[in-house]
C-alpha atoms as a PDB file:
ATOM      1  CA  MET A   1       0.000   0.000   0.000  1.00  0.00           C
ATOM      2  CA  PRO A   2       1.444   3.420  -0.952  1.00  0.00           C
ATOM      3  CA  GLU A   3       2.748   5.425   1.983  1.00  0.00           C
ATOM      4  CA  GLU A   4       0.458   8.359   1.234  1.00  0.00           C
ATOM      5  CA  VAL A   5      -2.658   6.202   1.671  1.00  0.00           C
ATOM      6  CA  VAL A   6      -3.832   6.384   5.262  1.00  0.00           C
ATOM      7  CA  LYS A   7      -6.347   3.728   6.223  1.00  0.00           C
ATOM      8  CA  LYS A   8      -9.430   5.213   7.851  1.00  0.00           C
ATOM      9  CA  GLU A   9     -11.071   3.147  10.535  1.00  0.00           C
ATOM     10  CA  ARG A  10     -14.820   2.756  10.315  1.00  0.00           C
ATOM     11  CA  PRO A  11     -17.300   0.701  12.322  1.00  0.00           C
ATOM     12  CA  VAL A  12     -18.693  -2.550  10.973  1.00  0.00           C
ATOM     13  CA  LEU A  13     -22.403  -2.218  10.147  1.00  0.00           C
ATOM     14  CA  SER A  14     -24.252  -5.538  10.342  1.00  0.00           C
ATOM     15  CA  GLY A  15     -27.581  -6.271   8.686  1.00  0.00           C
ATOM     16  CA  ASN A  16     -29.732  -9.346   8.208  1.00  0.00           C
ATOM     17  CA  ARG A  17     -27.841 -10.469   5.105  1.00  0.00           C
ATOM     18  CA  LEU A  18     -25.119  -7.886   4.547  1.00  0.00           C
ATOM     19  CA  LEU A  19     -21.998  -6.704   6.285  1.00  0.00           C
ATOM     20  CA  LEU A  20     -20.687  -3.189   5.664  1.00  0.00           C
ATOM     21  CA  ARG A  21     -16.985  -3.051   6.534  1.00  0.00           C
ATOM     22  CA  SER A  22     -13.541  -1.702   5.714  1.00  0.00           C
ATOM     23  CA  PRO A  23     -11.945  -3.003   2.503  1.00  0.00           C
ATOM     24  CA  ILE A  24      -9.705  -6.067   2.576  1.00  0.00           C
ATOM     25  CA  GLU A  25      -7.255  -7.443   0.008  1.00  0.00           C
ATOM     26  CA  SER A  26      -9.666 -10.073  -1.349  1.00  0.00           C
ATOM     27  CA  ASP A  27     -12.036  -7.289  -2.448  1.00  0.00           C
ATOM     28  CA  LYS A  28      -9.676  -6.553  -5.325  1.00  0.00           C
ATOM     29  CA  GLN A  29     -10.171 -10.010  -6.784  1.00  0.00           C
ATOM     30  CA  ASP A  30     -13.916  -9.795  -6.203  1.00  0.00           C
ATOM     31  CA  ARG A  31     -13.980  -6.562  -8.172  1.00  0.00           C
ATOM     32  CA  LEU A  32     -12.046  -8.169 -11.009  1.00  0.00           C
ATOM     33  CA  SER A  33     -14.060 -11.374 -10.980  1.00  0.00           C
ATOM     34  CA  TYR A  34     -16.999 -12.108 -13.194  1.00  0.00           C
ATOM     35  CA  GLY A  35     -20.342 -11.505 -11.532  1.00  0.00           C
ATOM     36  CA  ARG A  36     -23.328 -13.780 -11.764  1.00  0.00           C
ATOM     37  CA  ASN A  37     -25.400 -12.914 -14.854  1.00  0.00           C
ATOM     38  CA  ALA A  38     -22.818 -10.248 -15.703  1.00  0.00           C
ATOM     39  CA  GLU A  39     -22.702 -11.170 -19.388  1.00  0.00           C
ATOM     40  CA  PHE A  40     -19.012 -11.994 -18.993  1.00  0.00           C
ATOM     41  CA  LEU A  41     -18.198  -8.434 -17.952  1.00  0.00           C
ATOM     42  CA  SER A  42     -16.126  -7.660 -14.872  1.00  0.00           C
ATOM     43  CA  TYR A  43     -17.865  -5.918 -11.958  1.00  0.00           C
ATOM     44  CA  GLY A  44     -18.533  -2.291 -12.796  1.00  0.00           C
ATOM     45  CA  ARG A  45     -18.258  -2.839 -16.549  1.00  0.00           C
ATOM     46  CA  ASN A  46     -21.850  -3.939 -17.055  1.00  0.00           C
ATOM     47  CA  ALA A  47     -23.457  -1.595 -19.607  1.00  0.00           C
ATOM     48  CA  GLU A  48     -26.556  -0.904 -17.500  1.00  0.00           C
ATOM     49  CA  PHE A  49     -24.447  -0.185 -14.404  1.00  0.00           C
ATOM     50  CA  ARG A  50     -22.289   2.269 -16.372  1.00  0.00           C
ATOM     51  CA  ARG A  51     -25.370   4.009 -17.744  1.00  0.00           C
ATOM     52  CA  MET A  52     -26.822   4.405 -14.242  1.00  0.00           C
ATOM     53  CA  VAL A  53     -23.660   6.081 -12.954  1.00  0.00           C
ATOM     54  CA  GLY A  54     -23.336   8.342 -15.983  1.00  0.00           C
ATOM     55  CA  SER A  55     -20.587   6.573 -17.961  1.00  0.00           C
ATOM     56  CA  ASP A  56     -20.634   5.560 -21.610  1.00  0.00           C
ATOM     57  CA  PRO A  57     -22.328   2.133 -21.750  1.00  0.00           C
ATOM     58  CA  GLN A  58     -21.107   1.317 -25.254  1.00  0.00           C
ATOM     59  CA  ASN A  59     -18.213  -1.155 -25.601  1.00  0.00           C
ATOM     60  CA  PRO A  60     -16.684  -0.600 -22.151  1.00  0.00           C
ATOM     61  CA  PRO A  61     -13.008  -1.597 -21.922  1.00  0.00           C
ATOM     62  CA  PRO A  62     -12.004  -4.397 -19.527  1.00  0.00           C
ATOM     63  CA  LEU A  63     -11.452  -3.388 -15.931  1.00  0.00           C
ATOM     64  CA  THR A  64      -7.718  -3.241 -15.284  1.00  0.00           C
ATOM     65  CA  VAL A  65      -5.685  -4.188 -12.225  1.00  0.00           C
ATOM     66  CA  GLU A  66      -4.453  -0.596 -12.019  1.00  0.00           C
ATOM     67  CA  GLU A  67      -8.012   0.750 -11.905  1.00  0.00           C
ATOM     68  CA  VAL A  68      -8.928  -1.700  -9.176  1.00  0.00           C
ATOM     69  CA  GLU A  69      -5.864  -0.678  -7.145  1.00  0.00           C
ATOM     70  CA  ARG A  70      -6.917   2.985  -7.366  1.00  0.00           C
ATOM     71  CA  TRP A  71     -10.472   2.049  -6.399  1.00  0.00           C
ATOM     72  CA  TYR A  72      -9.230   0.015  -3.430  1.00  0.00           C
ATOM     73  CA  HIS A  73      -6.980   2.763  -2.057  1.00  0.00           C
ATOM     74  CA  LYS A  74      -9.735   5.341  -2.461  1.00  0.00           C
ATOM     75  CA  ILE A  75     -12.126   3.190  -0.426  1.00  0.00           C
ATOM     76  CA  LEU A  76      -9.389   2.425   2.097  1.00  0.00           C
ATOM     77  CA  ALA A  77      -8.807   6.133   2.723  1.00  0.00           C
ATOM     78  CA  GLY A  78     -12.498   7.022   2.957  1.00  0.00           C
ATOM     79  CA  GLU A  79     -13.624   7.511   6.542  1.00  0.00           C
ATOM     80  CA  PHE A  80     -17.283   7.127   5.611  1.00  0.00           C
ATOM     81  CA  CYS A  81     -16.995   4.534   2.841  1.00  0.00           C
ATOM     82  CA  TRP A  82     -17.888   0.878   3.318  1.00  0.00           C
ATOM     83  CA  VAL A  83     -17.533  -2.291   1.274  1.00  0.00           C
ATOM     84  CA  ILE A  84     -20.810  -4.190   0.953  1.00  0.00           C
ATOM     85  CA  GLU A  85     -20.134  -7.845   1.736  1.00  0.00           C
ATOM     86  CA  LEU A  86     -22.535 -10.663   0.889  1.00  0.00           C
ATOM     87  CA  GLU A  87     -21.647 -14.250   1.815  1.00  0.00           C
ATOM     88  CA  GLY A  88     -17.967 -13.390   2.141  1.00  0.00           C
ATOM     89  CA  ARG A  89     -17.508 -11.437  -1.077  1.00  0.00           C
ATOM     90  CA  CYS A  90     -17.568  -7.780  -2.068  1.00  0.00           C
ATOM     91  CA  ILE A  91     -20.593  -6.850  -4.200  1.00  0.00           C
ATOM     92  CA  GLY A  92     -20.320  -3.062  -4.041  1.00  0.00           C
ATOM     93  CA  THR A  93     -19.742   0.013  -1.906  1.00  0.00           C
ATOM     94  CA  ALA A  94     -21.838   2.522   0.037  1.00  0.00           C
ATOM     95  CA  GLN A  95     -20.650   5.856   1.333  1.00  0.00           C
ATOM     96  CA  LEU A  96     -21.397   9.235   2.843  1.00  0.00           C
ATOM     97  CA  ARG A  97     -19.689  11.985   0.870  1.00  0.00           C
ATOM     98  CA  SER A  98     -19.037  15.620   1.733  1.00  0.00           C
ATOM     99  CA  VAL A  99     -19.765  15.073   5.411  1.00  0.00           C
ATOM    100  CA  ASP A 100     -20.261  18.532   6.965  1.00  0.00           C
ATOM    101  CA  LYS A 101     -20.159  18.241  10.742  1.00  0.00           C
ATOM    102  CA  ASP A 102     -21.060  21.923  11.233  1.00  0.00           C
ATOM    103  CA  ASP A 103     -24.255  21.798   9.166  1.00  0.00           C
ATOM    104  CA  ARG A 104     -24.697  18.098  10.038  1.00  0.00           C
ATOM    105  CA  ARG A 105     -25.293  16.945   6.493  1.00  0.00           C
ATOM    106  CA  ALA A 106     -23.857  14.498   3.958  1.00  0.00           C
ATOM    107  CA  ARG A 107     -24.503  13.076   0.496  1.00  0.00           C
ATOM    108  CA  TYR A 108     -25.206   9.367   0.067  1.00  0.00           C
ATOM    109  CA  ALA A 109     -23.963   7.161  -2.764  1.00  0.00           C
ATOM    110  CA  ILE A 110     -24.155   3.424  -3.371  1.00  0.00           C
ATOM    111  CA  GLY A 111     -23.005   1.133  -6.146  1.00  0.00           C
ATOM    112  CA  ILE A 112     -23.659  -2.601  -6.423  1.00  0.00           C
ATOM    113  CA  PHE A 113     -21.341  -3.931  -9.106  1.00  0.00           C
ATOM    114  CA  ASP A 114     -22.715  -7.453  -9.494  1.00  0.00           C
ATOM    115  CA  PRO A 115     -25.858  -7.449 -11.687  1.00  0.00           C
ATOM    116  CA  GLY A 116     -26.796 -10.810 -10.162  1.00  0.00           C
ATOM    117  CA  CYS A 117     -27.420  -8.971  -6.893  1.00  0.00           C
ATOM    118  CA  TRP A 118     -29.788  -6.362  -8.338  1.00  0.00           C
ATOM    119  CA  GLY A 119     -33.485  -6.406  -7.464  1.00  0.00           C
ATOM    120  CA  LYS A 120     -33.013  -8.509  -4.317  1.00  0.00           C
ATOM    121  CA  GLY A 121     -33.245  -5.820  -1.658  1.00  0.00           C
ATOM    122  CA  TYR A 122     -29.520  -5.559  -0.953  1.00  0.00           C
ATOM    123  CA  GLY A 123     -29.430  -1.878  -1.872  1.00  0.00           C
ATOM    124  CA  THR A 124     -32.309  -1.181   0.499  1.00  0.00           C
ATOM    125  CA  GLU A 125     -30.641  -3.047   3.363  1.00  0.00           C
ATOM    126  CA  ALA A 126     -27.308  -1.281   2.834  1.00  0.00           C
ATOM    127  CA  THR A 127     -29.003   2.110   2.624  1.00  0.00           C
ATOM    128  CA  LYS A 128     -30.859   1.555   5.882  1.00  0.00           C
ATOM    129  CA  LEU A 129     -27.630   0.557   7.612  1.00  0.00           C
ATOM    130  CA  ILE A 130     -25.937   3.754   6.431  1.00  0.00           C
ATOM    131  CA  LEU A 131     -28.901   5.883   7.514  1.00  0.00           C
ATOM    132  CA  ARG A 132     -28.854   4.290  10.959  1.00  0.00           C
ATOM    133  CA  HIS A 133     -25.198   5.207  11.318  1.00  0.00           C
ATOM    134  CA  ALA A 134     -25.714   8.703   9.894  1.00  0.00           C
ATOM    135  CA  PHE A 135     -28.569   9.676  12.199  1.00  0.00           C
ATOM    136  CA  GLU A 136     -27.978   7.615  15.328  1.00  0.00           C
ATOM    137  CA  GLU A 137     -24.176   7.688  15.546  1.00  0.00           C
ATOM    138  CA  LEU A 138     -23.002  10.715  13.557  1.00  0.00           C
ATOM    139  CA  ARG A 139     -26.088  12.728  14.589  1.00  0.00           C
ATOM    140  CA  LEU A 140     -26.535  14.228  11.133  1.00  0.00           C
ATOM    141  CA  HIS A 141     -29.571  16.342  10.352  1.00  0.00           C
ATOM    142  CA  ARG A 142     -29.770  15.737   6.608  1.00  0.00           C
ATOM    143  CA  VAL A 143     -28.684  13.088   4.121  1.00  0.00           C
ATOM    144  CA  ASP A 144     -29.324  13.719   0.436  1.00  0.00           C
ATOM    145  CA  LEU A 145     -28.516  12.095  -2.899  1.00  0.00           C
ATOM    146  CA  LYS A 146     -28.767  12.453  -6.651  1.00  0.00           C
ATOM    147  CA  VAL A 147     -30.131   9.727  -8.895  1.00  0.00           C
ATOM    148  CA  ARG A 148     -30.872   9.565 -12.628  1.00  0.00           C
ATOM    149  CA  THR A 149     -34.569  10.118 -13.267  1.00  0.00           C
ATOM    150  CA  PHE A 150     -34.671   6.954 -15.401  1.00  0.00           C
ATOM    151  CA  ASN A 151     -33.302   4.802 -12.561  1.00  0.00           C
ATOM    152  CA  HIS A 152     -36.723   3.748 -11.283  1.00  0.00           C
ATOM    153  CA  ARG A 153     -35.401   0.780  -9.310  1.00  0.00           C
ATOM    154  CA  ALA A 154     -33.038   2.978  -7.285  1.00  0.00           C
ATOM    155  CA  ILE A 155     -35.695   5.659  -6.741  1.00  0.00           C
ATOM    156  CA  ALA A 156     -38.104   3.051  -5.368  1.00  0.00           C
ATOM    157  CA  CYS A 157     -35.357   1.800  -3.036  1.00  0.00           C
ATOM    158  CA  TYR A 158     -34.643   5.274  -1.704  1.00  0.00           C
ATOM    159  CA  GLU A 159     -38.317   6.058  -1.166  1.00  0.00           C
ATOM    160  CA  LYS A 160     -38.705   2.787   0.721  1.00  0.00           C
ATOM    161  CA  CYS A 161     -35.894   3.982   3.014  1.00  0.00           C
ATOM    162  CA  GLY A 162     -37.600   7.321   3.680  1.00  0.00           C
ATOM    163  CA  PHE A 163     -36.043   9.670   1.126  1.00  0.00           C
ATOM    164  CA  VAL A 164     -38.390  12.274  -0.371  1.00  0.00           C
ATOM    165  CA  ARG A 165     -38.170  13.975  -3.753  1.00  0.00           C
ATOM    166  CA  GLU A 166     -36.989  17.583  -3.693  1.00  0.00           C
ATOM    167  CA  GLY A 167     -36.511  18.594  -7.308  1.00  0.00           C
ATOM    168  CA  VAL A 168     -35.021  17.836 -10.697  1.00  0.00           C
ATOM    169  CA  GLU A 169     -31.729  19.024 -12.118  1.00  0.00           C
ATOM    170  CA  ARG A 170     -32.675  19.111 -15.783  1.00  0.00           C
ATOM    171  CA  GLU A 171     -30.449  17.624 -18.484  1.00  0.00           C
ATOM    172  CA  ALA A 172     -27.487  17.426 -16.124  1.00  0.00           C
ATOM    173  CA  SER A 173     -25.614  14.598 -17.867  1.00  0.00           C
ATOM    174  CA  LEU A 174     -24.922  13.515 -21.441  1.00  0.00           C
ATOM    175  CA  ILE A 175     -25.189   9.714 -21.443  1.00  0.00           C
ATOM    176  CA  ASP A 176     -24.950   7.643 -24.607  1.00  0.00           C
ATOM    177  CA  GLY A 177     -25.613  10.743 -26.709  1.00  0.00           C
ATOM    178  CA  LYS A 178     -28.748  11.801 -24.823  1.00  0.00           C
ATOM    179  CA  TRP A 179     -29.276  14.441 -22.132  1.00  0.00           C
ATOM    180  CA  GLN A 180     -30.492  12.967 -18.859  1.00  0.00           C
ATOM    181  CA  SER A 181     -31.830  14.648 -15.721  1.00  0.00           C
ATOM    182  CA  ASP A 182     -31.042  14.008 -12.061  1.00  0.00           C
ATOM    183  CA  LEU A 183     -33.528  13.730  -9.223  1.00  0.00           C
ATOM    184  CA  LEU A 184     -32.522  15.246  -5.882  1.00  0.00           C
ATOM    185  CA  MET A 185     -33.827  13.373  -2.821  1.00  0.00           C
ATOM    186  CA  SER A 186     -33.233  13.767   0.898  1.00  0.00           C
ATOM    187  CA  ILE A 187     -34.193  12.501   4.331  1.00  0.00           C
ATOM    188  CA  LEU A 188     -34.031  14.536   7.566  1.00  0.00           C
ATOM    189  CA  ASP A 189     -33.313  13.279  11.048  1.00  0.00           C
ATOM    190  CA  HIS A 190     -36.874  13.757  12.345  1.00  0.00           C
ATOM    191  CA  GLU A 191     -38.225  11.882   9.320  1.00  0.00           C
ATOM    192  CA  TYR A 192     -35.881   8.995   9.993  1.00  0.00           C
ATOM    193  CA  PHE A 193     -36.830   8.765  13.671  1.00  0.00           C
ATOM    194  CA  LYS A 194     -40.537   8.982  12.801  1.00  0.00           C
ATOM    195  CA  ILE A 195     -40.141   5.965  10.538  1.00  0.00           C
ATOM    196  CA  ARG A 196     -38.323   4.110  13.292  1.00  0.00           C
ATOM    197  CA  THR A 197     -40.992   4.972  15.871  1.00  0.00           C
ATOM    198  CA  ASN A 198     -43.872   4.042  13.565  1.00  0.00           C
ATOM    199  CA  ARG A 199     -42.309   0.627  13.018  1.00  0.00           C
ATOM    200  CA  LYS A 200     -42.014   0.252  16.807  1.00  0.00           C
ATOM    201  CA  SER A 201     -38.503  -1.103  16.351  1.00  0.00           C
ATOM    202  CA  HIS A 202     -35.301  -0.481  14.513  1.00  0.00           C
ATOM    203  CA  ILE A 203     -35.487   0.948  10.985  1.00  0.00           C
ATOM    204  CA  LEU A 204     -34.246  -2.450   9.790  1.00  0.00           C
END
C-alpha cells in the first residue's frame, strides 16, 4: 500500500444479510471477478451499471488491475466509505460523501457492481444501515442524494428507506448521446426517527 494512503477506521455495520466493513485485500479479486449474470463483464463494466452512474455504456473496456488498485486505495482512505459484503464477497460500496459536521449533512452514494445482486433488496438493506449510522451515531440532520430520473429501481429503493423527492436538475448529464436529468432526494433526522418509531422497532 502506498505510503500516502492512510487507512481510515470505520465501524462494521451488520444487517440481516449484509456486512458493511472496511476493505480487505480479497475485495480486489472480487472486483475483477466475473459476476453472476454479468454477461461476462467484470464488476462495474456492465453496460446498464455504467449508464446508471453516468458513464458511456457502449463497448466498455475491460477493468484493469491498475483501476482496481486505485479504487481500493480510495475506499481504504475514505472515513465514511464501506464495502458491501454478501456471503464473504464484495458486491459493491456505500458511502457518505461531503460530510459537513457543522451543518450536520452528507450526500449518500451506493453502487452494487454485481448485476446478479440487483433487485433482491440488498441496496435497500445497505441504505438503511448507512442511515442508521448517519442519524444515530453521527447525529446528522440531513442526508441527500442524486439519482438519474430513469433509474426507477433505485428511486423506489430510496423512497422505501424514507427519502423524499426535492426537485429535478434538468439535463445534467450527457449519457450515450442523450441528455439525462437528475432527481434530488433527501431525508431529515426527524423523518428517519418517525419511521423508526412508527415501526415500533429499529429501521431495519
